[in-house]
Amino acid sequence: MEKVLIVGAGAQGGPCASILSREKEISEIVLGDIDLELAKKVKEKIKSDKITAIKLNAANTDDVTKAAKGADAIINLTLTKYDINIMEAALRSGAHYVDTSFGEPSAKDIYSRDNILLQIIENRPLTLDKEYKDAGLTALLGCGYSPGEVNVLTRHTCDKLEQVDEIRIRMGGRSLTPPKDVVRAWSSTWSPFRTLWGYAIEPTIFEDGQYKKYPIFACPEEYHFPEPTGPILLTYHQHQEPITLPHFIGKGIKYCDFKYPVDIYAGAFVKMGFGSPDAIDVKGTKIVPRDVLLKLVRPPVNNFFAEDETTVARTADRVHFVVIEVKGVQSGEKVEYKIVRARASGFTAEERLDVYRKFGATNIGVALPAIIGAEMCVQGIADRGTISSECLDPKIFLKMAADIGCPIRFSEILTKEVSF
């Protein structure tokens, strides 16, 4: 892989460009964003002549096609509503396509319009799948952290089994510092729109071999994560994994879900209607509740620009885990595997400093899997057509992560009945 187009210079675009700029095989990085000054600011922080910052409108397929001329891959790190535009541009330019989230309309129901998740649910051909196959290219969907690395680790476990019965994915984290204020404003650590949307939409899970939609905040469960996280209240949450994993892994999966921490603030806003994209009448004026809330929410801090060796060497203020539980049959026996993975926020100060010195950023949990996925596409070791991240060979993926200098460490626990 020599030339890469990155679409989006935000919280992950910066780390992505920083990582790629340190790769010897990469000779050119085009960093495009609708906000040219933001792209320039990223380039200035990285200080690499490999990077060209351009103004790029992701909504304009022609502009993206032009920017991708000669690129081996396009890494899409902008809003999901532009995914199809960028997929078409990649196909036109002869580049492989990688994104970190997909299949999400702005509406509150993934069934309300045609998208890739709905195509999977209804077992229909996937968008541009045939066209990408005919061109000898890959459109790799959801290759960030979750979906992405989580899917790869799930596939790693499923590959050990002849039959897979159930997959459960649990995420949870906790701040290690007490809040300064008794009452605080609602905020999000990433896109406030995407956070609010995730809590407003009815989640789909795979149950009894079929996709089933549940009410928001359904099936609450207090799940005990490793310390210092401990017990966290989780509920079903709309995510790609329960839709894509049964489809692409198969092996007789009968159940697959995804549970995520309850955000009391976001939940209250959603219950009050602030997640709605529909206008309401307020004293004769049409107002969209969601627009009002998002106008008032403070945008998340882009830590990429604030990081230096002093800031990253401080003690971690948050710990976060993902736990993947897989039940199935191995060598004729019923077994259960549990994968426990601490996210980057759980690194020690020494580990974070080491990551920063290697990559120029510590918030690499989304960008790094996308880069590995792009490299696998370019090298021809990813299936052609429109695929999801669990279609990648986990052994190769994990080795490439280690080779690039950031091994994916996790614990793997096997449980099975033993009798004499």
Protein backbone atom coordinates (compact mmCIF):
# COMPACT_ATOMS: atom_id res chain seq x y z
CA MET A 1 0.00 0.00 0.00
CA GLU A 2 1.59 3.26 -1.16
CA LYS A 3 -1.11 5.93 -1.48
CA VAL A 4 -4.14 6.34 0.80
CA LEU A 5 -7.03 8.79 0.81
CA ILE A 6 -8.43 9.51 4.28
CA VAL A 7 -11.88 11.10 4.24
CA GLY A 8 -12.41 12.95 7.51
CA ALA A 9 -9.79 14.76 9.61
CA GLY A 10 -11.58 14.54 12.95
CA ALA A 11 -10.93 12.54 16.10
CA GLN A 12 -9.88 9.42 14.14
CA GLY A 13 -8.64 11.08 10.95
CA GLY A 14 -5.75 12.64 12.84
CA PRO A 15 -4.52 9.39 14.43
CA CYS A 16 -5.03 7.54 11.14
CA ALA A 17 -2.86 10.02 9.24
CA SER A 18 -0.28 9.97 12.04
CA ILE A 19 0.02 6.16 12.00
CA LEU A 20 0.23 5.98 8.20
CA SER A 21 2.86 8.72 8.04
CA ARG A 22 5.19 6.48 10.06
CA GLU A 23 4.79 3.47 7.75
CA LYS A 24 7.74 3.07 5.36
CA GLU A 25 5.59 1.60 2.58
CA ILE A 26 3.30 4.64 2.54
CA SER A 27 4.53 7.36 0.20
CA GLU A 28 1.46 9.61 -0.05
CA ILE A 29 -1.48 10.41 2.23
CA VAL A 30 -4.30 12.65 1.03
CA LEU A 31 -6.28 13.95 4.02
CA GLY A 32 -9.61 15.40 2.94
CA ASP A 33 -12.21 17.21 5.01
CA ILE A 34 -14.98 19.74 4.40
CA ASP A 35 -13.07 21.85 6.95
CA LEU A 36 -9.77 22.54 5.20
CA GLU A 37 -8.31 24.32 8.24
CA LEU A 38 -8.88 21.20 10.35
CA ALA A 39 -7.07 19.03 7.80
CA LYS A 40 -4.20 21.54 7.70
CA LYS A 41 -4.03 21.56 11.48
CA VAL A 42 -3.66 17.76 11.51
CA LYS A 43 -0.88 17.96 8.92
CA GLU A 44 0.93 20.64 10.94
CA LYS A 45 0.82 18.54 14.11
CA ILE A 46 2.13 15.42 12.40
CA LYS A 47 4.83 17.31 10.46
CA SER A 48 5.07 14.83 7.60
CA ASP A 49 5.71 15.73 3.96
CA LYS A 50 3.75 12.61 2.98
CA ILE A 51 0.47 14.35 3.89
CA THR A 52 -1.48 16.61 1.55
CA ALA A 53 -4.45 18.38 3.16
CA ILE A 54 -7.36 19.17 0.86
CA LYS A 55 -10.89 20.50 1.13
CA LEU A 56 -13.20 17.61 0.33
CA ASN A 57 -16.98 17.34 0.35
CA ALA A 58 -17.83 13.72 1.10
CA ALA A 59 -21.33 14.27 -0.29
CA ASN A 60 -19.88 14.85 -3.78
CA THR A 61 -18.91 11.52 -5.34
CA ASP A 62 -17.09 13.21 -8.22
CA ASP A 63 -14.90 15.21 -5.83
CA VAL A 64 -14.02 12.10 -3.82
CA THR A 65 -13.25 10.18 -7.03
CA LYS A 66 -10.90 12.94 -8.14
CA ALA A 67 -9.16 13.04 -4.76
CA ALA A 68 -8.73 9.24 -4.84
CA LYS A 69 -6.88 9.18 -8.16
CA GLY A 70 -3.99 6.73 -7.87
CA ALA A 71 -4.93 5.68 -4.32
CA ASP A 72 -4.66 2.05 -3.30
CA ALA A 73 -7.34 2.48 -0.64
CA ILE A 74 -9.84 4.96 0.74
CA ILE A 75 -10.33 4.99 4.51
CA ASN A 76 -13.65 6.60 5.35
CA LEU A 77 -13.66 8.25 8.79
CA THR A 78 -16.52 10.66 8.26
CA LEU A 79 -20.28 10.38 8.90
CA THR A 80 -22.03 7.16 7.89
CA LYS A 81 -24.51 9.03 5.69
CA TYR A 82 -21.67 9.47 3.18
CA ASP A 83 -20.67 5.79 3.06
CA ILE A 84 -22.37 4.93 -0.23
CA ASN A 85 -21.00 8.06 -1.95
CA ILE A 86 -17.46 7.14 -0.93
CA MET A 87 -17.95 3.46 -1.81
CA GLU A 88 -18.97 4.52 -5.32
CA ALA A 89 -15.98 6.86 -5.59
CA ALA A 90 -13.59 4.09 -4.53
CA LEU A 91 -15.04 1.76 -7.15
CA ARG A 92 -14.71 4.41 -9.85
CA SER A 93 -11.09 5.13 -8.93
CA GLY A 94 -10.08 1.48 -8.60
CA ALA A 95 -9.36 1.74 -4.88
CA HIS A 96 -10.30 -0.56 -2.02
CA TYR A 97 -12.77 0.91 0.47
CA VAL A 98 -12.70 0.72 4.28
CA ASP A 99 -15.03 2.32 6.83
CA THR A 100 -15.52 1.95 10.58
CA SER A 101 -19.31 2.16 10.81
CA PHE A 102 -22.07 1.50 8.29
CA GLY A 103 -25.69 0.81 7.51
CA GLU A 104 -27.04 3.60 9.67
CA PRO A 105 -29.61 6.09 8.35
CA SER A 106 -30.43 9.24 10.26
CA ALA A 107 -33.94 7.89 10.88
CA LYS A 108 -34.73 6.13 14.16
CA ASP A 109 -35.36 2.77 12.52
CA ILE A 110 -32.84 0.85 10.38
CA TYR A 111 -35.85 -0.80 8.70
CA SER A 112 -37.19 2.56 7.50
CA ARG A 113 -35.02 2.77 4.39
CA ASP A 114 -32.78 0.53 2.37
CA ASN A 115 -29.32 0.13 3.86
CA ILE A 116 -26.76 -2.64 4.13
CA LEU A 117 -27.96 -3.82 7.56
CA LEU A 118 -31.49 -4.20 6.22
CA GLN A 119 -30.13 -6.03 3.16
CA ILE A 120 -28.45 -8.53 5.49
CA ILE A 121 -31.58 -8.93 7.61
CA GLU A 122 -33.65 -9.62 4.50
CA ASN A 123 -30.91 -11.79 2.93
CA ARG A 124 -30.64 -9.62 -0.19
CA PRO A 125 -27.56 -8.78 -2.30
CA LEU A 126 -25.34 -6.20 -0.59
CA THR A 127 -24.72 -2.75 -2.02
CA LEU A 128 -22.06 -2.81 -4.79
CA ASP A 129 -21.03 -6.36 -3.86
CA LYS A 130 -21.11 -7.63 -7.45
CA GLU A 131 -19.44 -4.49 -8.81
CA TYR A 132 -16.57 -4.76 -6.32
CA LYS A 133 -16.11 -8.47 -7.05
CA ASP A 134 -16.08 -7.84 -10.80
CA ALA A 135 -13.44 -5.14 -10.30
CA GLY A 136 -11.30 -7.36 -8.05
CA LEU A 137 -11.76 -4.94 -5.16
CA THR A 138 -12.97 -5.08 -1.54
CA ALA A 139 -15.43 -2.84 0.26
CA LEU A 140 -14.61 -3.59 3.91
CA LEU A 141 -17.36 -2.40 6.23
CA GLY A 142 -17.11 -1.72 9.96
CA CYS A 143 -13.38 -2.19 10.49
CA GLY A 144 -12.85 0.07 13.48
CA TYR A 145 -12.98 -1.04 17.11
CA SER A 146 -16.62 -2.07 17.44
CA PRO A 147 -17.57 -3.07 14.85
CA GLY A 148 -14.10 -4.11 13.74
CA GLU A 149 -11.57 -5.51 16.17
CA VAL A 150 -14.43 -6.98 18.21
CA ASN A 151 -15.68 -8.85 15.13
CA VAL A 152 -12.19 -10.17 14.40
CA LEU A 153 -11.80 -11.45 17.97
CA THR A 154 -15.23 -13.07 17.76
CA ARG A 155 -14.25 -14.79 14.52
CA HIS A 156 -10.98 -15.88 16.19
CA THR A 157 -13.06 -17.75 18.76
CA CYS A 158 -15.66 -19.10 16.33
CA ASP A 159 -12.89 -20.58 14.18
CA LYS A 160 -12.12 -22.97 17.06
CA LEU A 161 -15.63 -24.42 16.97
CA GLU A 162 -17.41 -26.76 14.59
CA GLN A 163 -20.74 -25.28 15.66
CA VAL A 164 -21.54 -21.88 17.17
CA ASP A 165 -24.71 -21.61 19.24
CA GLU A 166 -24.58 -18.23 20.98
CA ILE A 167 -22.56 -15.00 20.89
CA ARG A 168 -22.88 -12.31 23.55
CA ILE A 169 -20.93 -9.04 23.44
CA ARG A 170 -20.72 -6.82 26.51
CA MET A 171 -19.08 -3.38 26.74
CA GLY A 172 -18.59 -1.24 29.80
CA GLY A 173 -16.33 1.34 31.34
CA ARG A 174 -16.00 3.54 34.36
CA SER A 175 -14.30 6.80 35.23
CA LEU A 176 -11.59 6.43 37.86
CA THR A 177 -11.96 10.00 39.06
CA PRO A 178 -15.03 11.31 40.93
CA PRO A 179 -17.13 13.98 39.17
CA LYS A 180 -16.37 17.57 40.13
CA ASP A 181 -20.00 18.68 39.96
CA VAL A 182 -23.05 17.34 41.76
CA VAL A 183 -25.07 17.88 38.58
CA ARG A 184 -23.36 17.91 35.19
CA ALA A 185 -24.42 18.66 31.64
CA TRP A 186 -24.83 15.77 29.22
CA SER A 187 -21.78 15.22 27.04
CA SER A 188 -20.38 12.57 24.75
CA THR A 189 -16.85 11.30 24.27
CA TRP A 190 -17.47 11.12 20.51
CA SER A 191 -20.13 12.27 18.02
CA PRO A 192 -23.08 13.53 20.13
CA PHE A 193 -25.41 12.85 17.18
CA ARG A 194 -24.28 9.23 16.88
CA THR A 195 -24.43 8.72 20.66
CA LEU A 196 -27.99 10.06 20.86
CA TRP A 197 -29.05 8.10 17.77
CA GLY A 198 -27.70 4.88 19.26
CA TYR A 199 -29.94 5.23 22.30
CA ALA A 200 -32.98 6.39 20.31
CA ILE A 201 -33.17 3.49 17.86
CA GLU A 202 -34.81 0.14 18.60
CA PRO A 203 -32.06 -2.52 18.69
CA THR A 204 -32.08 -5.63 16.52
CA ILE A 205 -30.69 -8.89 17.89
CA PHE A 206 -30.49 -12.43 16.48
CA GLU A 207 -32.71 -14.82 18.41
CA ASP A 208 -33.86 -18.37 17.60
CA GLY A 209 -32.15 -18.05 14.23
CA GLN A 210 -34.05 -14.88 13.27
CA TYR A 211 -33.56 -11.13 13.52
CA LYS A 212 -35.82 -9.54 16.10
CA LYS A 213 -36.36 -5.89 17.01
CA TYR A 214 -36.63 -4.93 20.71
CA PRO A 215 -37.71 -1.73 22.48
CA ILE A 216 -34.96 0.70 23.49
CA PHE A 217 -33.28 -0.14 26.82
CA ALA A 218 -34.68 -3.68 26.73
CA CYS A 219 -33.41 -6.63 28.80
CA PRO A 220 -31.44 -4.77 31.48
CA GLU A 221 -28.59 -6.70 33.04
CA GLU A 222 -26.04 -5.83 35.71
CA TYR A 223 -22.86 -7.22 34.23
CA HIS A 224 -19.69 -7.65 36.27
CA PHE A 225 -16.60 -6.53 34.35
CA PRO A 226 -13.04 -6.99 35.62
CA GLU A 227 -11.97 -4.55 38.30
CA PRO A 228 -11.74 -1.63 38.59
CA THR A 229 -14.79 -1.37 36.31
CA GLY A 230 -16.98 -3.78 38.28
CA PRO A 231 -20.77 -4.00 37.83
CA ILE A 232 -22.36 -1.90 35.07
CA LEU A 233 -26.03 -1.73 34.08
CA LEU A 234 -26.33 -2.79 30.43
CA THR A 235 -29.20 -3.13 27.96
CA TYR A 236 -29.65 -4.13 24.32
CA HIS A 237 -28.15 -1.49 22.06
CA GLN A 238 -28.35 -1.08 18.30
CA HIS A 239 -25.05 -2.24 16.81
CA GLN A 240 -23.84 -4.01 13.69
CA GLU A 241 -22.46 -7.17 15.33
CA PRO A 242 -25.77 -8.99 16.06
CA ILE A 243 -26.72 -8.46 12.41
CA THR A 244 -23.46 -9.20 10.59
CA LEU A 245 -21.93 -11.98 12.73
CA PRO A 246 -24.72 -14.55 12.16
CA HIS A 247 -24.75 -13.69 8.46
CA PHE A 248 -21.04 -13.92 7.71
CA ILE A 249 -19.91 -16.52 10.29
CA GLY A 250 -22.84 -18.90 10.06
CA LYS A 251 -21.98 -22.22 11.78
CA GLY A 252 -25.54 -22.60 13.01
CA ILE A 253 -25.63 -19.48 15.21
CA LYS A 254 -28.99 -19.27 16.97
CA TYR A 255 -28.43 -16.23 19.21
CA CYS A 256 -26.30 -13.06 19.03
CA ASP A 257 -26.70 -9.85 21.00
CA PHE A 258 -24.86 -6.67 21.98
CA LYS A 259 -25.29 -4.87 25.30
CA TYR A 260 -24.01 -1.42 26.19
CA PRO A 261 -24.07 0.79 29.31
CA VAL A 262 -27.20 2.77 30.06
CA ASP A 263 -26.69 6.53 29.77
CA ILE A 264 -29.31 7.97 32.13
CA TYR A 265 -28.99 11.47 30.66
CA ALA A 266 -29.25 10.35 27.02
CA GLY A 267 -32.06 7.96 27.92
CA ALA A 268 -34.08 10.72 29.58
CA PHE A 269 -33.66 12.98 26.55
CA VAL A 270 -34.76 10.19 24.22
CA LYS A 271 -37.79 9.36 26.36
CA MET A 272 -38.76 13.05 26.29
CA GLY A 273 -38.53 13.14 22.49
CA PHE A 274 -35.22 14.93 22.03
CA GLY A 275 -33.97 12.09 19.85
CA SER A 276 -36.65 12.74 17.26
CA PRO A 277 -35.76 14.10 13.79
CA ASP A 278 -39.38 15.19 13.30
CA ALA A 279 -40.33 18.86 13.73
CA ILE A 280 -42.82 19.90 16.40
CA ASP A 281 -44.81 23.11 16.72
CA VAL A 282 -43.62 25.50 19.43
CA LYS A 283 -45.74 28.65 19.54
CA GLY A 284 -46.21 28.61 15.79
CA THR A 285 -42.59 27.73 14.93
CA LYS A 286 -41.50 24.35 13.61
CA ILE A 287 -38.55 23.04 15.64
CA VAL A 288 -36.70 19.71 15.49
CA PRO A 289 -36.09 18.58 19.11
CA ARG A 290 -32.88 16.76 18.21
CA ASP A 291 -31.45 19.89 16.58
CA VAL A 292 -32.11 21.90 19.74
CA LEU A 293 -30.38 19.39 21.99
CA LEU A 294 -27.36 18.95 19.71
CA LYS A 295 -27.00 22.72 19.42
CA LEU A 296 -26.67 22.94 23.20
CA VAL A 297 -24.37 19.93 23.70
CA ARG A 298 -20.70 20.75 24.08
CA PRO A 299 -18.76 18.95 21.33
CA PRO A 300 -16.19 16.38 22.51
CA VAL A 301 -12.62 17.48 22.87
CA ASN A 302 -10.33 16.30 20.06
CA ASN A 303 -7.50 14.97 22.21
CA PHE A 304 -5.29 14.42 19.17
CA PHE A 305 -4.25 18.08 19.18
CA ALA A 306 -3.76 18.29 22.95
CA GLU A 307 -1.63 15.17 23.34
CA ASP A 308 2.08 15.29 24.05
CA GLU A 309 4.45 13.13 26.07
CA THR A 310 3.49 14.97 29.26
CA THR A 311 -0.26 14.49 28.93
CA VAL A 312 -0.16 10.83 27.87
CA ALA A 313 2.13 9.86 30.75
CA ARG A 314 -0.52 10.73 33.33
CA THR A 315 -2.43 8.06 35.21
CA ALA A 316 -5.43 6.75 33.28
CA ASP A 317 -8.71 8.36 34.34
CA ARG A 318 -10.96 5.73 32.76
CA VAL A 319 -10.97 1.96 32.22
CA HIS A 320 -13.09 0.17 29.62
CA PHE A 321 -13.57 -3.49 28.73
CA VAL A 322 -15.22 -5.57 26.05
CA VAL A 323 -16.20 -9.15 26.86
CA ILE A 324 -17.14 -11.62 24.13
CA GLU A 325 -18.84 -14.85 25.19
CA VAL A 326 -19.21 -17.64 22.63
CA LYS A 327 -20.94 -20.98 23.20
CA GLY A 328 -20.71 -23.87 20.80
CA VAL A 329 -19.32 -27.33 20.05
CA GLN A 330 -15.62 -28.19 19.92
CA SER A 331 -14.47 -31.74 19.18
CA GLY A 332 -17.95 -32.97 19.95
CA GLU A 333 -18.12 -31.26 23.37
CA LYS A 334 -20.22 -28.28 24.49
CA VAL A 335 -17.84 -25.45 25.39
CA GLU A 336 -17.88 -21.75 26.19
CA TYR A 337 -15.11 -19.27 25.38
CA LYS A 338 -14.79 -15.87 27.00
CA ILE A 339 -12.58 -13.15 25.50
CA VAL A 340 -11.75 -10.21 27.78
CA ARG A 341 -10.08 -7.19 26.19
CA ALA A 342 -9.16 -3.87 27.84
CA ARG A 343 -9.52 -0.92 25.51
CA ALA A 344 -6.77 1.63 24.96
CA SER A 345 -8.08 3.77 27.81
CA GLY A 346 -7.02 0.94 30.10
CA PHE A 347 -3.33 1.14 29.16
CA THR A 348 -0.84 1.96 31.88
CA ALA A 349 0.95 5.31 31.68
CA GLU A 350 4.07 3.55 30.40
CA GLU A 351 2.13 1.71 27.70
CA ARG A 352 0.34 4.87 26.57
CA LEU A 353 3.63 6.71 26.33
CA ASP A 354 5.07 3.91 24.25
CA VAL A 355 2.03 3.98 21.92
CA TYR A 356 2.32 7.76 21.58
CA ARG A 357 6.00 7.57 20.67
CA LYS A 358 5.29 4.93 18.02
CA PHE A 359 2.21 6.48 16.44
CA GLY A 360 1.97 10.13 17.53
CA ALA A 361 -1.42 9.46 19.15
CA THR A 362 -2.99 7.20 21.76
CA ASN A 363 -6.61 7.24 20.54
CA ILE A 364 -5.87 4.64 17.86
CA GLY A 365 -8.47 2.00 18.70
CA VAL A 366 -10.57 2.80 15.61
CA ALA A 367 -7.93 4.03 13.15
CA LEU A 368 -5.46 1.18 13.56
CA PRO A 369 -7.90 -1.65 12.70
CA ALA A 370 -9.01 0.36 9.65
CA ILE A 371 -5.39 0.63 8.49
CA ILE A 372 -4.78 -3.10 9.00
CA GLY A 373 -7.99 -3.88 7.12
CA ALA A 374 -6.95 -1.62 4.24
CA GLU A 375 -3.56 -3.33 4.05
CA MET A 376 -5.20 -6.77 3.96
CA CYS A 377 -7.42 -5.60 1.10
CA VAL A 378 -4.49 -4.22 -0.89
CA GLN A 379 -2.39 -7.35 -0.31
CA GLY A 380 -5.21 -9.54 -1.62
CA ILE A 381 -5.74 -11.44 1.64
CA ALA A 382 -9.28 -10.16 2.12
CA ASP A 383 -12.29 -11.51 0.24
CA ARG A 384 -13.45 -9.43 -2.70
CA GLY A 385 -16.84 -7.75 -2.77
CA THR A 386 -18.75 -6.09 0.06
CA ILE A 387 -17.76 -7.73 3.35
CA SER A 388 -17.69 -7.04 7.08
CA SER A 389 -14.67 -7.22 9.38
CA GLU A 390 -15.38 -10.74 10.65
CA CYS A 391 -14.61 -11.94 7.10
CA LEU A 392 -10.92 -11.09 7.69
CA ASP A 393 -8.53 -13.88 8.69
CA PRO A 394 -8.05 -13.23 12.44
CA LYS A 395 -4.61 -14.83 12.57
CA ILE A 396 -3.29 -12.51 9.86
CA PHE A 397 -5.07 -9.49 11.37
CA LEU A 398 -3.63 -10.10 14.85
CA LYS A 399 -0.13 -10.71 13.46
CA MET A 400 -0.26 -7.49 11.47
CA ALA A 401 -1.29 -5.58 14.59
CA ALA A 402 1.72 -7.01 16.41
CA ASP A 403 4.05 -6.31 13.47
CA ILE A 404 2.95 -2.68 13.30
CA GLY A 405 3.86 -2.30 16.98
CA CYS A 406 0.53 -2.55 18.77
CA PRO A 407 -0.26 -6.18 19.67
CA ILE A 408 -3.89 -6.87 20.59
CA ARG A 409 -3.72 -8.40 24.07
CA PHE A 410 -6.68 -10.25 25.51
CA SER A 411 -7.43 -13.09 27.90
CA GLU A 412 -9.16 -16.20 26.62
CA ILE A 413 -11.00 -18.48 29.03
CA LEU A 414 -12.31 -21.91 28.01
CA THR A 415 -15.04 -23.57 30.06
CA LYS A 416 -16.36 -27.08 29.44
CA GLU A 417 -18.01 -29.85 31.38
CA VAL A 418 -15.63 -32.55 32.54
CA SER A 419 -16.77 -35.91 33.85
CA PHE A 420 -14.94 -39.15 34.76
